[in-house]
């Protein structure tokens, strides 16, 4: 089975726009695993350097459904990222507090002022 070939990325994008599809050139293997073969079309596109690269044409409705199905996962990642930021801020606060405690116990060294400007 021969693949349809596009002369440039612009030609591919124009075709996708006219047919109500989205072109995907990165993460093709991932999308192929997520979708059934009848939900996408594999095409070849010539890059500016003259190399043929594979691309997927996916109907916008299919891509939107996939996006909505992944929403809980993205939300969970967002919560995890938010918690990481909170934990990192707490560690920074503890580190500063420990430094201040050490300075207050030891006092300034060798004529250094206690001011940390």
C-alpha atoms as a PDB file:
ATOM      1  CA  UNK A   1       0.000   0.000   0.000  1.00  0.00           C
ATOM      2  CA  UNK A   2       1.594   3.283  -1.073  1.00  0.00           C
ATOM      3  CA  UNK A   3       1.349   6.344   1.102  1.00  0.00           C
ATOM      4  CA  UNK A   4       0.245   9.716  -0.108  1.00  0.00           C
ATOM      5  CA  UNK A   5       3.217  12.075  -0.378  1.00  0.00           C
ATOM      6  CA  UNK A   6       3.194  15.822   0.271  1.00  0.00           C
ATOM      7  CA  UNK A   7       5.841  18.117  -1.170  1.00  0.00           C
ATOM      8  CA  UNK A   8       6.143  20.252   1.995  1.00  0.00           C
ATOM      9  CA  UNK A   9       4.857  20.653   5.521  1.00  0.00           C
ATOM     10  CA  UNK A  10       2.858  23.656   4.321  1.00  0.00           C
ATOM     11  CA  UNK A  11       1.120  21.514   1.675  1.00  0.00           C
ATOM     12  CA  UNK A  12       0.301  18.926   4.346  1.00  0.00           C
ATOM     13  CA  UNK A  13      -1.073  21.571   6.724  1.00  0.00           C
ATOM     14  CA  UNK A  14      -3.189  23.103   3.954  1.00  0.00           C
ATOM     15  CA  UNK A  15      -4.630  19.685   3.054  1.00  0.00           C
ATOM     16  CA  UNK A  16      -5.348  18.895   6.714  1.00  0.00           C
ATOM     17  CA  UNK A  17      -7.114  22.221   7.171  1.00  0.00           C
ATOM     18  CA  UNK A  18      -9.250  21.710   4.074  1.00  0.00           C
ATOM     19  CA  UNK A  19     -10.305  18.207   5.115  1.00  0.00           C
ATOM     20  CA  UNK A  20     -10.962  18.937   8.813  1.00  0.00           C
ATOM     21  CA  UNK A  21      -7.987  16.970  10.010  1.00  0.00           C
ATOM     22  CA  UNK A  22      -4.895  17.629  12.098  1.00  0.00           C
ATOM     23  CA  UNK A  23      -1.382  16.656  11.001  1.00  0.00           C
ATOM     24  CA  UNK A  24       0.905  15.116  13.606  1.00  0.00           C
ATOM     25  CA  UNK A  25       4.607  14.767  12.886  1.00  0.00           C
ATOM     26  CA  UNK A  26       5.954  14.172  16.404  1.00  0.00           C
ATOM     27  CA  UNK A  27       4.990  11.293  18.683  1.00  0.00           C
ATOM     28  CA  UNK A  28       3.608   9.214  15.829  1.00  0.00           C
ATOM     29  CA  UNK A  29       4.213   5.857  17.508  1.00  0.00           C
ATOM     30  CA  UNK A  30       2.351   6.989  20.623  1.00  0.00           C
ATOM     31  CA  UNK A  31      -0.669   8.163  18.607  1.00  0.00           C
ATOM     32  CA  UNK A  32      -0.681   4.932  16.590  1.00  0.00           C
ATOM     33  CA  UNK A  33      -0.879   2.933  19.821  1.00  0.00           C
ATOM     34  CA  UNK A  34      -3.720   5.106  21.121  1.00  0.00           C
ATOM     35  CA  UNK A  35      -5.842   4.977  17.974  1.00  0.00           C
ATOM     36  CA  UNK A  36      -7.193   2.206  15.786  1.00  0.00           C
ATOM     37  CA  UNK A  37      -5.846   2.090  12.206  1.00  0.00           C
ATOM     38  CA  UNK A  38      -9.133   3.341  10.731  1.00  0.00           C
ATOM     39  CA  UNK A  39      -8.906   6.560  12.813  1.00  0.00           C
ATOM     40  CA  UNK A  40      -5.763   7.938  11.135  1.00  0.00           C
ATOM     41  CA  UNK A  41      -3.931   8.029   7.827  1.00  0.00           C
ATOM     42  CA  UNK A  42      -0.150   7.735   7.510  1.00  0.00           C
ATOM     43  CA  UNK A  43       1.354  10.015   4.877  1.00  0.00           C
ATOM     44  CA  UNK A  44       4.863  11.047   3.874  1.00  0.00           C
ATOM     45  CA  UNK A  45       5.967  14.664   3.877  1.00  0.00           C
ATOM     46  CA  UNK A  46       9.134  16.054   2.356  1.00  0.00           C
ATOM     47  CA  UNK A  47      11.103  18.283   4.736  1.00  0.00           C
ATOM     48  CA  UNK A  48      12.996  21.414   3.737  1.00  0.00           C
ATOM     49  CA  UNK A  49      16.151  19.254   3.546  1.00  0.00           C
ATOM     50  CA  UNK A  50      14.510  16.885   1.082  1.00  0.00           C
ATOM     51  CA  UNK A  51      14.033  13.990   3.501  1.00  0.00           C
ATOM     52  CA  UNK A  52      10.743  12.080   3.589  1.00  0.00           C
ATOM     53  CA  UNK A  53       9.230  11.861   7.073  1.00  0.00           C
ATOM     54  CA  UNK A  54       6.062  10.068   8.134  1.00  0.00           C
ATOM     55  CA  UNK A  55       3.124  12.047   9.478  1.00  0.00           C
ATOM     56  CA  UNK A  56      -0.368  11.208  10.676  1.00  0.00           C
ATOM     57  CA  UNK A  57      -3.595  12.822   9.540  1.00  0.00           C
ATOM     58  CA  UNK A  58      -6.174  12.534  12.297  1.00  0.00           C
ATOM     59  CA  UNK A  59      -9.742  13.874  12.182  1.00  0.00           C
ATOM     60  CA  UNK A  60     -10.222  16.750  14.631  1.00  0.00           C
ATOM     61  CA  UNK A  61     -13.158  14.981  16.313  1.00  0.00           C
ATOM     62  CA  UNK A  62     -11.004  11.919  17.061  1.00  0.00           C
ATOM     63  CA  UNK A  63      -8.190  14.059  18.457  1.00  0.00           C
ATOM     64  CA  UNK A  64     -10.651  16.017  20.618  1.00  0.00           C
ATOM     65  CA  UNK A  65     -12.128  12.796  22.022  1.00  0.00           C
ATOM     66  CA  UNK A  66      -8.632  11.536  22.804  1.00  0.00           C
ATOM     67  CA  UNK A  67      -7.799  14.854  24.523  1.00  0.00           C
ATOM     68  CA  UNK A  68     -10.936  14.640  26.673  1.00  0.00           C
ATOM     69  CA  UNK A  69     -10.207  11.025  27.575  1.00  0.00           C
ATOM     70  CA  UNK A  70      -6.747  12.026  28.837  1.00  0.00           C
ATOM     71  CA  UNK A  71      -8.114  14.899  30.989  1.00  0.00           C
ATOM     72  CA  UNK A  72      -8.054  12.982  34.322  1.00  0.00           C
ATOM     73  CA  UNK A  73      -4.432  12.017  33.724  1.00  0.00           C
ATOM     74  CA  UNK A  74      -3.434  15.608  32.909  1.00  0.00           C
ATOM     75  CA  UNK A  75      -5.306  16.828  35.984  1.00  0.00           C
ATOM     76  CA  UNK A  76      -3.490  14.306  38.177  1.00  0.00           C
ATOM     77  CA  UNK A  77      -0.156  15.463  36.772  1.00  0.00           C
ATOM     78  CA  UNK A  78      -1.108  19.068  37.517  1.00  0.00           C
ATOM     79  CA  UNK A  79      -1.921  18.223  41.133  1.00  0.00           C
ATOM     80  CA  UNK A  80       1.353  16.322  41.454  1.00  0.00           C
ATOM     81  CA  UNK A  81       3.277  19.267  39.952  1.00  0.00           C
ATOM     82  CA  UNK A  82       1.527  21.660  42.346  1.00  0.00           C
ATOM     83  CA  UNK A  83       2.421  19.452  45.336  1.00  0.00           C
ATOM     84  CA  UNK A  84       6.046  19.266  44.180  1.00  0.00           C
ATOM     85  CA  UNK A  85       6.202  23.048  44.060  1.00  0.00           C
ATOM     86  CA  UNK A  86       4.736  23.277  47.560  1.00  0.00           C
ATOM     87  CA  UNK A  87       7.171  20.677  48.921  1.00  0.00           C
ATOM     88  CA  UNK A  88      10.103  22.456  47.294  1.00  0.00           C
ATOM     89  CA  UNK A  89       9.037  25.772  48.840  1.00  0.00           C
ATOM     90  CA  UNK A  90       8.810  24.123  52.260  1.00  0.00           C
ATOM     91  CA  UNK A  91      12.293  22.624  51.908  1.00  0.00           C
ATOM     92  CA  UNK A  92      13.656  26.054  50.986  1.00  0.00           C
ATOM     93  CA  UNK A  93      11.981  27.596  54.022  1.00  0.00           C
ATOM     94  CA  UNK A  94      13.433  24.898  56.321  1.00  0.00           C
ATOM     95  CA  UNK A  95      16.894  25.363  54.814  1.00  0.00           C
ATOM     96  CA  UNK A  96      16.796  29.125  55.424  1.00  0.00           C
ATOM     97  CA  UNK A  97      15.538  28.566  58.983  1.00  0.00           C
ATOM     98  CA  UNK A  98      18.352  26.078  59.685  1.00  0.00           C
ATOM     99  CA  UNK A  99      20.970  28.502  58.343  1.00  0.00           C
ATOM    100  CA  UNK A 100      19.610  31.263  60.559  1.00  0.00           C
ATOM    101  CA  UNK A 101      19.685  28.970  63.596  1.00  0.00           C
ATOM    102  CA  UNK A 102      23.293  27.991  62.896  1.00  0.00           C
ATOM    103  CA  UNK A 103      24.315  31.635  62.533  1.00  0.00           C
ATOM    104  CA  UNK A 104      22.564  32.593  65.752  1.00  0.00           C
ATOM    105  CA  UNK A 105      24.325  29.780  67.663  1.00  0.00           C
ATOM    106  CA  UNK A 106      27.779  30.322  66.230  1.00  0.00           C
ATOM    107  CA  UNK A 107      27.682  34.049  65.747  1.00  0.00           C
ATOM    108  CA  UNK A 108      29.738  35.873  63.152  1.00  0.00           C
ATOM    109  CA  UNK A 109      33.090  34.332  62.203  1.00  0.00           C
ATOM    110  CA  UNK A 110      36.425  36.125  61.979  1.00  0.00           C
ATOM    111  CA  UNK A 111      35.140  39.653  62.153  1.00  0.00           C
ATOM    112  CA  UNK A 112      32.291  39.138  59.681  1.00  0.00           C
ATOM    113  CA  UNK A 113      29.207  41.136  60.442  1.00  0.00           C
ATOM    114  CA  UNK A 114      26.033  39.352  61.372  1.00  0.00           C
ATOM    115  CA  UNK A 115      24.196  41.263  58.674  1.00  0.00           C
ATOM    116  CA  UNK A 116      23.515  39.023  55.616  1.00  0.00           C
ATOM    117  CA  UNK A 117      22.856  41.815  53.054  1.00  0.00           C
END
